[in-house]
Amino acid sequence: TRHDVMHACDIYEDVAIAYGYNNIKKSLPAFMHIAKQFPLNKLTEQLREQVAQAGFTEAITFTLCSRDDIARKLNKSIDSIAAVHIANPKTLEFQVVRTTLLSGLLKTLVANRKMPLPLKLFEISDVVVADDDTEVGARNERRLCAVNCNKTAGFEVVHGLLDRVMQLLDVPWKTGNQKHGYYLQATDGRLM
């Protein structure tokens, strides 16, 4: 009679309810497992702590957003973005799965514009990118995004955070003909 059976554990649950939870004999499993944290999640938690210690406040934003949030508001075309679209969205706010963390942080800044400056926000979370080479047609990528909102543009604040994160990840500053490392590149000031 259940319409929400999605996995074998749903049937086990119904059997356990019918039989009675208190009637099930307790026993130890035949073999033991030692659990450990998934390495990417451990690294993410360590980075969260370090970014927070650098004076940034963590924001946790919605995974679903509107097409405008990831395209038009960031001066991009929705056709050029490898986004996963929701087939039948219930609202205009939740049409696609986010491909960037920036849109959520900008919406958080707008919602908190009456707060005293500076507002330094960050988020470390997954985005979903359409990828035809995967089994499900999309893949998750863990990303870090940070914004610094103040009366004066403090490039040194964001640059300092970038340097700290790269130091923690053991990514060197790229000099000369090195193949690996990070570097800064000037732009004309528009969102790319």
N, C-alpha and C. Protein backbone atom coordinates (compact mmCIF):
# COMPACT_ATOMS: atom_id res chain seq x y z
N THR A 1 0.81 -1.22 0.00
CA THR A 1 0.00 0.00 0.00
C THR A 1 0.84 1.27 0.00
N ARG A 2 2.16 1.12 0.15
CA ARG A 2 3.00 2.32 0.18
C ARG A 2 3.34 2.77 -1.23
N HIS A 3 3.28 4.05 -1.46
CA HIS A 3 3.63 4.62 -2.76
C HIS A 3 5.07 5.12 -2.80
N ASP A 4 5.75 5.09 -1.67
CA ASP A 4 7.11 5.65 -1.61
C ASP A 4 8.19 4.59 -1.44
N VAL A 5 7.95 3.37 -1.92
CA VAL A 5 8.97 2.33 -1.85
C VAL A 5 10.02 2.63 -2.92
N MET A 6 11.22 2.96 -2.47
CA MET A 6 12.28 3.34 -3.39
C MET A 6 13.49 2.43 -3.29
N HIS A 7 13.55 1.65 -2.23
CA HIS A 7 14.74 0.83 -1.99
C HIS A 7 14.32 -0.38 -1.18
N ALA A 8 15.16 -1.38 -1.18
CA ALA A 8 14.86 -2.60 -0.42
C ALA A 8 14.68 -2.30 1.06
N CYS A 9 15.38 -1.29 1.58
CA CYS A 9 15.26 -0.98 3.01
C CYS A 9 13.85 -0.51 3.37
N ASP A 10 13.10 0.04 2.42
CA ASP A 10 11.72 0.43 2.69
C ASP A 10 10.85 -0.80 2.95
N ILE A 11 11.12 -1.88 2.24
CA ILE A 11 10.37 -3.12 2.46
C ILE A 11 10.79 -3.73 3.80
N TYR A 12 12.10 -3.73 4.11
CA TYR A 12 12.57 -4.24 5.40
C TYR A 12 11.91 -3.47 6.54
N GLU A 13 11.76 -2.17 6.37
CA GLU A 13 11.13 -1.36 7.40
C GLU A 13 9.69 -1.79 7.62
N ASP A 14 8.95 -2.03 6.56
CA ASP A 14 7.56 -2.47 6.69
C ASP A 14 7.47 -3.82 7.37
N VAL A 15 8.37 -4.73 7.03
CA VAL A 15 8.39 -6.05 7.66
C VAL A 15 8.71 -5.91 9.15
N ALA A 16 9.67 -5.07 9.49
CA ALA A 16 10.04 -4.86 10.89
C ALA A 16 8.89 -4.26 11.68
N ILE A 17 8.16 -3.34 11.09
CA ILE A 17 7.01 -2.74 11.78
C ILE A 17 5.93 -3.80 12.00
N ALA A 18 5.66 -4.61 10.97
CA ALA A 18 4.62 -5.64 11.08
C ALA A 18 5.02 -6.70 12.11
N TYR A 19 6.29 -7.11 12.09
CA TYR A 19 6.78 -8.14 13.02
C TYR A 19 6.88 -7.57 14.43
N GLY A 20 7.25 -6.31 14.53
CA GLY A 20 7.42 -5.64 15.82
C GLY A 20 8.89 -5.46 16.13
N TYR A 21 9.30 -4.21 16.28
CA TYR A 21 10.71 -3.92 16.54
C TYR A 21 11.21 -4.64 17.80
N ASN A 22 10.37 -4.71 18.82
CA ASN A 22 10.78 -5.32 20.08
C ASN A 22 10.90 -6.84 19.97
N ASN A 23 10.34 -7.44 18.95
CA ASN A 23 10.43 -8.89 18.77
C ASN A 23 11.70 -9.32 18.03
N ILE A 24 12.44 -8.40 17.49
CA ILE A 24 13.67 -8.71 16.76
C ILE A 24 14.79 -8.94 17.76
N LYS A 25 15.47 -10.11 17.65
CA LYS A 25 16.57 -10.42 18.55
C LYS A 25 17.78 -9.56 18.20
N LYS A 26 18.40 -8.98 19.20
CA LYS A 26 19.60 -8.18 19.00
C LYS A 26 20.81 -9.11 18.92
N SER A 27 21.68 -8.85 17.94
CA SER A 27 22.90 -9.64 17.81
C SER A 27 23.98 -8.78 17.17
N LEU A 28 25.20 -9.15 17.44
CA LEU A 28 26.32 -8.44 16.82
C LEU A 28 26.51 -8.94 15.40
N PRO A 29 26.93 -8.07 14.50
CA PRO A 29 27.18 -8.54 13.14
C PRO A 29 28.33 -9.54 13.09
N ALA A 30 28.33 -10.37 12.07
CA ALA A 30 29.35 -11.41 11.94
C ALA A 30 30.74 -10.82 11.69
N PHE A 31 30.82 -9.63 11.16
CA PHE A 31 32.11 -9.00 10.90
C PHE A 31 32.03 -7.53 11.29
N MET A 32 33.17 -6.96 11.58
CA MET A 32 33.23 -5.57 12.05
C MET A 32 33.87 -4.70 10.98
N HIS A 33 33.46 -3.45 10.94
CA HIS A 33 34.04 -2.46 10.04
C HIS A 33 34.53 -1.28 10.86
N ILE A 34 35.61 -0.73 10.42
CA ILE A 34 36.08 0.50 11.05
C ILE A 34 35.81 1.62 10.07
N ALA A 35 34.97 2.54 10.47
CA ALA A 35 34.59 3.63 9.58
C ALA A 35 35.64 4.72 9.61
N LYS A 36 35.74 5.42 8.50
CA LYS A 36 36.60 6.59 8.46
C LYS A 36 35.94 7.63 7.55
N GLN A 37 36.33 8.85 7.76
CA GLN A 37 35.75 9.95 7.01
C GLN A 37 36.25 9.93 5.56
N PHE A 38 35.35 10.26 4.64
CA PHE A 38 35.71 10.35 3.23
C PHE A 38 36.77 11.45 3.11
N PRO A 39 37.90 11.19 2.43
CA PRO A 39 39.00 12.16 2.40
C PRO A 39 38.62 13.55 1.90
N LEU A 40 37.74 13.65 0.89
CA LEU A 40 37.34 14.96 0.39
C LEU A 40 36.56 15.74 1.44
N ASN A 41 35.71 15.04 2.20
CA ASN A 41 34.95 15.71 3.27
C ASN A 41 35.87 16.16 4.40
N LYS A 42 36.88 15.37 4.70
CA LYS A 42 37.84 15.75 5.75
C LYS A 42 38.60 17.01 5.32
N LEU A 43 39.08 17.01 4.08
CA LEU A 43 39.79 18.18 3.56
C LEU A 43 38.88 19.41 3.57
N THR A 44 37.62 19.23 3.18
CA THR A 44 36.67 20.33 3.17
C THR A 44 36.47 20.92 4.55
N GLU A 45 36.33 20.07 5.56
CA GLU A 45 36.17 20.56 6.93
C GLU A 45 37.40 21.32 7.41
N GLN A 46 38.57 20.81 7.06
CA GLN A 46 39.80 21.50 7.46
C GLN A 46 39.90 22.87 6.78
N LEU A 47 39.52 22.94 5.50
CA LEU A 47 39.55 24.23 4.80
C LEU A 47 38.53 25.19 5.38
N ARG A 48 37.34 24.68 5.70
CA ARG A 48 36.30 25.54 6.31
C ARG A 48 36.83 26.20 7.58
N GLU A 49 37.48 25.41 8.40
CA GLU A 49 38.01 25.95 9.65
C GLU A 49 39.05 27.04 9.39
N GLN A 50 39.95 26.81 8.44
CA GLN A 50 41.00 27.78 8.15
C GLN A 50 40.44 29.06 7.53
N VAL A 51 39.46 28.94 6.63
CA VAL A 51 38.87 30.13 6.01
C VAL A 51 38.10 30.93 7.07
N ALA A 52 37.41 30.25 7.97
CA ALA A 52 36.71 30.94 9.05
C ALA A 52 37.70 31.65 9.96
N GLN A 53 38.84 31.05 10.22
CA GLN A 53 39.86 31.69 11.05
C GLN A 53 40.47 32.90 10.36
N ALA A 54 40.34 32.95 9.03
CA ALA A 54 40.83 34.12 8.28
C ALA A 54 39.82 35.27 8.33
N GLY A 55 38.72 35.10 9.05
CA GLY A 55 37.77 36.19 9.24
C GLY A 55 36.54 36.13 8.34
N PHE A 56 36.35 35.05 7.61
CA PHE A 56 35.20 34.92 6.73
C PHE A 56 34.09 34.13 7.43
N THR A 57 32.86 34.46 7.11
CA THR A 57 31.69 33.78 7.66
C THR A 57 31.15 32.81 6.63
N GLU A 58 30.86 31.59 7.07
CA GLU A 58 30.37 30.58 6.13
C GLU A 58 28.89 30.79 5.83
N ALA A 59 28.56 30.68 4.57
CA ALA A 59 27.17 30.71 4.12
C ALA A 59 26.86 29.35 3.51
N ILE A 60 25.66 28.88 3.73
CA ILE A 60 25.21 27.64 3.11
C ILE A 60 24.00 28.00 2.27
N THR A 61 24.15 27.92 0.97
CA THR A 61 23.11 28.37 0.05
C THR A 61 22.44 27.18 -0.62
N PHE A 62 21.34 27.46 -1.30
CA PHE A 62 20.58 26.40 -1.97
C PHE A 62 21.36 25.81 -3.13
N THR A 63 21.18 24.52 -3.34
CA THR A 63 21.81 23.84 -4.47
C THR A 63 21.06 24.13 -5.76
N LEU A 64 19.75 24.33 -5.67
CA LEU A 64 18.96 24.68 -6.83
C LEU A 64 18.83 26.20 -6.92
N CYS A 65 18.83 26.72 -8.13
CA CYS A 65 18.70 28.16 -8.33
C CYS A 65 18.00 28.42 -9.65
N SER A 66 17.80 29.68 -9.97
CA SER A 66 17.15 30.03 -11.22
C SER A 66 18.18 30.12 -12.35
N ARG A 67 17.70 30.06 -13.56
CA ARG A 67 18.59 30.20 -14.72
C ARG A 67 19.24 31.57 -14.73
N ASP A 68 18.49 32.59 -14.32
CA ASP A 68 19.03 33.95 -14.27
C ASP A 68 20.20 34.06 -13.28
N ASP A 69 20.11 33.32 -12.17
CA ASP A 69 21.15 33.40 -11.14
C ASP A 69 22.51 32.97 -11.66
N ILE A 70 22.54 31.93 -12.48
CA ILE A 70 23.84 31.43 -12.95
C ILE A 70 24.21 31.96 -14.33
N ALA A 71 23.29 32.68 -14.96
CA ALA A 71 23.58 33.16 -16.32
C ALA A 71 23.47 34.68 -16.41
N ARG A 72 22.29 35.19 -16.58
CA ARG A 72 22.10 36.62 -16.87
C ARG A 72 22.70 37.52 -15.79
N LYS A 73 22.49 37.19 -14.53
CA LYS A 73 23.00 38.03 -13.44
C LYS A 73 24.52 38.01 -13.34
N LEU A 74 25.14 37.01 -13.96
CA LEU A 74 26.60 36.93 -13.99
C LEU A 74 27.15 37.27 -15.38
N ASN A 75 26.31 37.87 -16.20
CA ASN A 75 26.69 38.32 -17.54
C ASN A 75 27.15 37.17 -18.43
N LYS A 76 26.40 36.06 -18.36
CA LYS A 76 26.70 34.89 -19.18
C LYS A 76 25.44 34.44 -19.90
N SER A 77 25.61 33.62 -20.91
CA SER A 77 24.49 33.03 -21.63
C SER A 77 24.19 31.66 -21.06
N ILE A 78 22.93 31.36 -20.81
CA ILE A 78 22.56 30.06 -20.26
C ILE A 78 22.94 28.93 -21.21
N ASP A 79 22.98 29.22 -22.50
CA ASP A 79 23.33 28.19 -23.48
C ASP A 79 24.80 27.78 -23.39
N SER A 80 25.65 28.66 -22.87
CA SER A 80 27.08 28.36 -22.79
C SER A 80 27.46 27.69 -21.47
N ILE A 81 26.48 27.46 -20.60
CA ILE A 81 26.75 26.88 -19.29
C ILE A 81 26.30 25.42 -19.28
N ALA A 82 27.17 24.54 -18.81
CA ALA A 82 26.85 23.11 -18.74
C ALA A 82 26.04 22.82 -17.48
N ALA A 83 24.81 23.34 -17.45
CA ALA A 83 23.96 23.21 -16.28
C ALA A 83 23.01 22.03 -16.42
N VAL A 84 22.64 21.46 -15.28
CA VAL A 84 21.63 20.41 -15.23
C VAL A 84 20.30 21.09 -14.96
N HIS A 85 19.37 20.99 -15.90
CA HIS A 85 18.07 21.65 -15.80
C HIS A 85 17.04 20.72 -15.18
N ILE A 86 16.19 21.28 -14.32
CA ILE A 86 15.10 20.53 -13.71
C ILE A 86 13.99 20.42 -14.76
N ALA A 87 13.48 19.22 -14.99
CA ALA A 87 12.50 18.99 -16.06
C ALA A 87 11.19 19.73 -15.80
N ASN A 88 10.71 19.73 -14.57
CA ASN A 88 9.43 20.34 -14.26
C ASN A 88 9.55 21.15 -12.97
N PRO A 89 10.22 22.32 -13.04
CA PRO A 89 10.43 23.08 -11.80
C PRO A 89 9.11 23.63 -11.24
N LYS A 90 8.99 23.60 -9.93
CA LYS A 90 7.78 24.09 -9.27
C LYS A 90 7.77 25.61 -9.15
N THR A 91 8.96 26.21 -9.06
CA THR A 91 9.06 27.67 -8.98
C THR A 91 10.18 28.15 -9.89
N LEU A 92 10.19 29.43 -10.19
CA LEU A 92 11.24 30.01 -11.01
C LEU A 92 12.56 30.13 -10.25
N GLU A 93 12.52 30.01 -8.93
CA GLU A 93 13.73 30.10 -8.12
C GLU A 93 14.55 28.83 -8.17
N PHE A 94 13.94 27.70 -8.54
CA PHE A 94 14.62 26.40 -8.53
C PHE A 94 14.49 25.72 -9.88
N GLN A 95 15.18 26.25 -10.90
CA GLN A 95 15.09 25.72 -12.26
C GLN A 95 16.28 24.85 -12.65
N VAL A 96 17.45 25.12 -12.10
CA VAL A 96 18.66 24.40 -12.45
C VAL A 96 19.46 24.09 -11.18
N VAL A 97 20.38 23.14 -11.33
CA VAL A 97 21.32 22.87 -10.25
C VAL A 97 22.50 23.83 -10.45
N ARG A 98 22.94 24.43 -9.37
CA ARG A 98 23.97 25.47 -9.48
C ARG A 98 25.26 24.94 -10.10
N THR A 99 25.86 25.77 -10.91
CA THR A 99 27.16 25.47 -11.52
C THR A 99 28.25 26.36 -10.92
N THR A 100 27.86 27.28 -10.07
CA THR A 100 28.79 28.19 -9.42
C THR A 100 28.27 28.51 -8.02
N LEU A 101 29.17 28.76 -7.10
CA LEU A 101 28.78 29.15 -5.75
C LEU A 101 28.60 30.66 -5.63
N LEU A 102 29.12 31.40 -6.59
CA LEU A 102 29.09 32.86 -6.53
C LEU A 102 27.68 33.42 -6.49
N SER A 103 26.78 32.85 -7.28
CA SER A 103 25.42 33.39 -7.33
C SER A 103 24.73 33.31 -5.97
N GLY A 104 24.93 32.22 -5.25
CA GLY A 104 24.33 32.09 -3.93
C GLY A 104 24.91 33.07 -2.93
N LEU A 105 26.22 33.30 -3.01
CA LEU A 105 26.84 34.27 -2.10
C LEU A 105 26.39 35.69 -2.40
N LEU A 106 26.22 36.01 -3.69
CA LEU A 106 25.74 37.35 -4.05
C LEU A 106 24.30 37.56 -3.56
N LYS A 107 23.47 36.53 -3.66
CA LYS A 107 22.10 36.64 -3.13
C LYS A 107 22.11 36.82 -1.62
N THR A 108 23.05 36.17 -0.94
CA THR A 108 23.18 36.32 0.50
C THR A 108 23.61 37.75 0.85
N LEU A 109 24.53 38.32 0.06
CA LEU A 109 24.93 39.71 0.29
C LEU A 109 23.75 40.65 0.12
N VAL A 110 22.94 40.44 -0.91
CA VAL A 110 21.77 41.29 -1.15
C VAL A 110 20.80 41.21 0.02
N ALA A 111 20.57 39.99 0.52
CA ALA A 111 19.64 39.80 1.63
C ALA A 111 20.16 40.41 2.93
N ASN A 112 21.48 40.63 3.02
CA ASN A 112 22.09 41.17 4.25
C ASN A 112 22.71 42.53 4.04
N ARG A 113 22.21 43.29 3.07
CA ARG A 113 22.83 44.58 2.75
C ARG A 113 22.69 45.62 3.86
N LYS A 114 21.80 45.41 4.82
CA LYS A 114 21.66 46.36 5.93
C LYS A 114 22.62 46.04 7.07
N MET A 115 23.35 44.96 6.94
CA MET A 115 24.32 44.59 7.97
C MET A 115 25.53 45.52 7.85
N PRO A 116 26.23 45.76 8.96
CA PRO A 116 27.42 46.63 8.89
C PRO A 116 28.53 45.97 8.09
N LEU A 117 29.26 46.81 7.36
CA LEU A 117 30.38 46.34 6.56
C LEU A 117 31.62 46.20 7.42
N PRO A 118 32.55 45.38 7.10
CA PRO A 118 32.65 44.53 5.93
C PRO A 118 31.87 43.24 6.10
N LEU A 119 31.40 42.71 4.98
CA LEU A 119 30.79 41.39 4.93
C LEU A 119 31.75 40.48 4.16
N LYS A 120 32.27 39.51 4.85
CA LYS A 120 33.21 38.57 4.22
C LYS A 120 32.58 37.18 4.33
N LEU A 121 32.13 36.65 3.20
CA LEU A 121 31.42 35.37 3.17
C LEU A 121 32.19 34.35 2.36
N PHE A 122 31.99 33.07 2.69
CA PHE A 122 32.56 32.00 1.90
C PHE A 122 31.64 30.80 1.92
N GLU A 123 31.81 29.95 0.93
CA GLU A 123 31.10 28.67 0.89
C GLU A 123 32.01 27.64 0.24
N ILE A 124 32.07 26.47 0.84
CA ILE A 124 32.75 25.32 0.25
C ILE A 124 31.69 24.24 0.11
N SER A 125 31.35 23.94 -1.12
CA SER A 125 30.28 22.98 -1.36
C SER A 125 30.39 22.44 -2.78
N ASP A 126 29.45 21.57 -3.11
CA ASP A 126 29.44 20.97 -4.44
C ASP A 126 28.62 21.79 -5.42
N VAL A 127 29.07 21.80 -6.65
CA VAL A 127 28.27 22.28 -7.77
C VAL A 127 28.11 21.07 -8.70
N VAL A 128 27.13 21.14 -9.57
CA VAL A 128 26.86 20.03 -10.49
C VAL A 128 27.03 20.55 -11.92
N VAL A 129 27.83 19.83 -12.68
CA VAL A 129 28.12 20.21 -14.06
C VAL A 129 27.66 19.08 -14.98
N ALA A 130 26.93 19.43 -16.04
CA ALA A 130 26.50 18.42 -17.01
C ALA A 130 27.73 17.83 -17.68
N ASP A 131 27.75 16.50 -17.79
CA ASP A 131 28.90 15.81 -18.37
C ASP A 131 28.40 14.53 -19.03
N ASP A 132 28.40 14.50 -20.36
CA ASP A 132 27.90 13.35 -21.10
C ASP A 132 28.77 12.11 -20.93
N ASP A 133 29.99 12.27 -20.46
CA ASP A 133 30.90 11.13 -20.30
C ASP A 133 30.62 10.32 -19.03
N THR A 134 29.76 10.81 -18.15
CA THR A 134 29.46 10.09 -16.92
C THR A 134 28.18 9.28 -17.09
N GLU A 135 27.99 8.32 -16.19
CA GLU A 135 26.85 7.42 -16.27
C GLU A 135 25.51 8.15 -16.14
N VAL A 136 25.46 9.15 -15.26
CA VAL A 136 24.20 9.87 -15.02
C VAL A 136 24.09 11.17 -15.79
N GLY A 137 25.12 11.53 -16.55
CA GLY A 137 25.08 12.74 -17.36
C GLY A 137 25.48 14.00 -16.63
N ALA A 138 25.99 13.86 -15.41
CA ALA A 138 26.43 15.02 -14.63
C ALA A 138 27.47 14.56 -13.62
N ARG A 139 28.25 15.53 -13.12
CA ARG A 139 29.24 15.20 -12.09
C ARG A 139 29.27 16.32 -11.05
N ASN A 140 29.60 15.95 -9.84
CA ASN A 140 29.76 16.91 -8.76
C ASN A 140 31.20 17.38 -8.71
N GLU A 141 31.38 18.66 -8.43
CA GLU A 141 32.70 19.22 -8.20
C GLU A 141 32.66 20.02 -6.91
N ARG A 142 33.62 19.78 -6.03
CA ARG A 142 33.71 20.54 -4.78
C ARG A 142 34.45 21.83 -5.06
N ARG A 143 33.87 22.95 -4.68
CA ARG A 143 34.48 24.25 -4.96
C ARG A 143 34.46 25.15 -3.73
N LEU A 144 35.32 26.14 -3.77
CA LEU A 144 35.40 27.16 -2.73
C LEU A 144 35.16 28.51 -3.39
N CYS A 145 34.31 29.32 -2.77
CA CYS A 145 34.05 30.67 -3.26
C CYS A 145 34.04 31.60 -2.06
N ALA A 146 34.62 32.77 -2.22
CA ALA A 146 34.64 33.76 -1.14
C ALA A 146 34.38 35.15 -1.73
N VAL A 147 33.68 35.99 -0.97
CA VAL A 147 33.43 37.37 -1.38
C VAL A 147 33.77 38.29 -0.22
N ASN A 148 34.26 39.48 -0.58
CA ASN A 148 34.59 40.50 0.39
C ASN A 148 33.84 41.76 -0.01
N CYS A 149 32.86 42.17 0.79
CA CYS A 149 32.06 43.35 0.49
C CYS A 149 32.40 44.42 1.54
N ASN A 150 32.94 45.54 1.06
CA ASN A 150 33.34 46.61 1.96
C ASN A 150 33.24 47.94 1.22
N LYS A 151 33.39 49.04 1.92
CA LYS A 151 33.32 50.36 1.29
C LYS A 151 34.48 50.59 0.34
N THR A 152 35.62 50.01 0.66
CA THR A 152 36.77 50.09 -0.24
C THR A 152 37.13 48.67 -0.67
N ALA A 153 37.50 48.54 -1.91
CA ALA A 153 37.86 47.23 -2.44
C ALA A 153 39.19 46.80 -1.86
N GLY A 154 39.17 45.75 -1.08
CA GLY A 154 40.39 45.26 -0.45
C GLY A 154 40.90 44.01 -1.14
N PHE A 155 41.62 44.22 -2.25
CA PHE A 155 42.15 43.09 -3.00
C PHE A 155 43.07 42.24 -2.14
N GLU A 156 43.77 42.89 -1.22
CA GLU A 156 44.71 42.15 -0.37
C GLU A 156 43.99 41.14 0.52
N VAL A 157 42.72 41.39 0.85
CA VAL A 157 41.95 40.46 1.68
C VAL A 157 41.73 39.15 0.93
N VAL A 158 41.23 39.27 -0.29
CA VAL A 158 40.95 38.07 -1.09
C VAL A 158 42.25 37.40 -1.53
N HIS A 159 43.25 38.21 -1.87
CA HIS A 159 44.55 37.64 -2.28
C HIS A 159 45.18 36.89 -1.11
N GLY A 160 45.07 37.45 0.08
CA GLY A 160 45.60 36.77 1.27
C GLY A 160 44.89 35.45 1.53
N LEU A 161 43.58 35.43 1.33
CA LEU A 161 42.83 34.18 1.51
C LEU A 161 43.25 33.15 0.47
N LEU A 162 43.39 33.60 -0.78
CA LEU A 162 43.83 32.69 -1.84
C LEU A 162 45.21 32.10 -1.51
N ASP A 163 46.13 32.94 -1.09
CA ASP A 163 47.47 32.46 -0.74
C ASP A 163 47.41 31.44 0.40
N ARG A 164 46.57 31.70 1.39
CA ARG A 164 46.46 30.79 2.53
C ARG A 164 45.88 29.44 2.09
N VAL A 165 44.84 29.46 1.28
CA VAL A 165 44.23 28.21 0.81
C VAL A 165 45.22 27.42 -0.02
N MET A 166 45.94 28.10 -0.91
CA MET A 166 46.93 27.41 -1.74
C MET A 166 48.07 26.85 -0.89
N GLN A 167 48.44 27.57 0.16
CA GLN A 167 49.47 27.07 1.07
C GLN A 167 48.99 25.80 1.76
N LEU A 168 47.74 25.80 2.20
CA LEU A 168 47.18 24.62 2.87
C LEU A 168 47.07 23.43 1.93
N LEU A 169 46.78 23.70 0.67
CA LEU A 169 46.64 22.63 -0.33
C LEU A 169 47.98 22.23 -0.94
N ASP A 170 49.04 22.91 -0.51
CA ASP A 170 50.40 22.64 -1.00
C ASP A 170 50.51 22.86 -2.51
N VAL A 171 49.87 23.95 -2.98
CA VAL A 171 49.97 24.35 -4.39
C VAL A 171 50.94 25.52 -4.45
N PRO A 172 52.04 25.39 -5.19
CA PRO A 172 53.05 26.46 -5.20
C PRO A 172 52.64 27.63 -6.10
N TRP A 173 53.26 28.76 -5.86
CA TRP A 173 53.11 29.93 -6.74
C TRP A 173 53.85 29.62 -8.03
N LYS A 174 53.21 29.82 -9.16
CA LYS A 174 53.80 29.47 -10.45
C LYS A 174 54.77 30.57 -10.88
N THR A 175 55.99 30.18 -11.11
CA THR A 175 56.99 31.12 -11.59
C THR A 175 57.67 30.53 -12.82
N GLY A 176 57.95 31.37 -13.77
CA GLY A 176 58.68 30.94 -14.97
C GLY A 176 57.96 29.86 -15.76
N ASN A 177 58.67 28.78 -16.03
CA ASN A 177 58.15 27.71 -16.88
C ASN A 177 57.63 26.53 -16.08
N GLN A 178 57.30 26.73 -14.80
CA GLN A 178 56.75 25.63 -14.01
C GLN A 178 55.44 25.15 -14.63
N LYS A 179 55.22 23.84 -14.57
CA LYS A 179 53.98 23.28 -15.12
C LYS A 179 52.83 23.38 -14.13
N HIS A 180 53.13 23.29 -12.85
CA HIS A 180 52.09 23.29 -11.84
C HIS A 180 52.20 24.52 -10.96
N GLY A 181 51.07 24.96 -10.46
CA GLY A 181 51.05 26.11 -9.57
C GLY A 181 49.90 27.03 -9.91
N TYR A 182 49.79 28.09 -9.15
CA TYR A 182 48.74 29.07 -9.39
C TYR A 182 49.36 30.43 -9.64
N TYR A 183 48.59 31.29 -10.29
CA TYR A 183 49.06 32.63 -10.60
C TYR A 183 47.84 33.54 -10.72
N LEU A 184 48.08 34.84 -10.77
CA LEU A 184 47.01 35.81 -10.94
C LEU A 184 47.08 36.36 -12.36
N GLN A 185 45.91 36.64 -12.91
CA GLN A 185 45.84 37.18 -14.27
C GLN A 185 44.91 38.38 -14.27
N ALA A 186 45.35 39.46 -14.86
CA ALA A 186 44.54 40.68 -14.91
C ALA A 186 43.38 40.51 -15.90
N THR A 187 42.24 41.14 -15.58
CA THR A 187 41.09 41.17 -16.48
C THR A 187 40.63 42.60 -16.60
N ASP A 188 39.62 42.82 -17.42
CA ASP A 188 39.12 44.17 -17.62
C ASP A 188 38.07 44.57 -16.57
N GLY A 189 37.87 43.74 -15.54
CA GLY A 189 36.97 44.10 -14.45
C GLY A 189 35.58 43.52 -14.57
N ARG A 190 35.21 42.98 -15.70
CA ARG A 190 33.88 42.37 -15.83
C ARG A 190 33.93 40.94 -15.37
N LEU A 191 32.75 40.42 -14.94
CA LEU A 191 32.67 39.01 -14.60
C LEU A 191 32.88 38.19 -15.84
N MET A 192 33.71 37.17 -15.74
CA MET A 192 33.97 36.33 -16.91
C MET A 192 33.10 35.09 -16.85
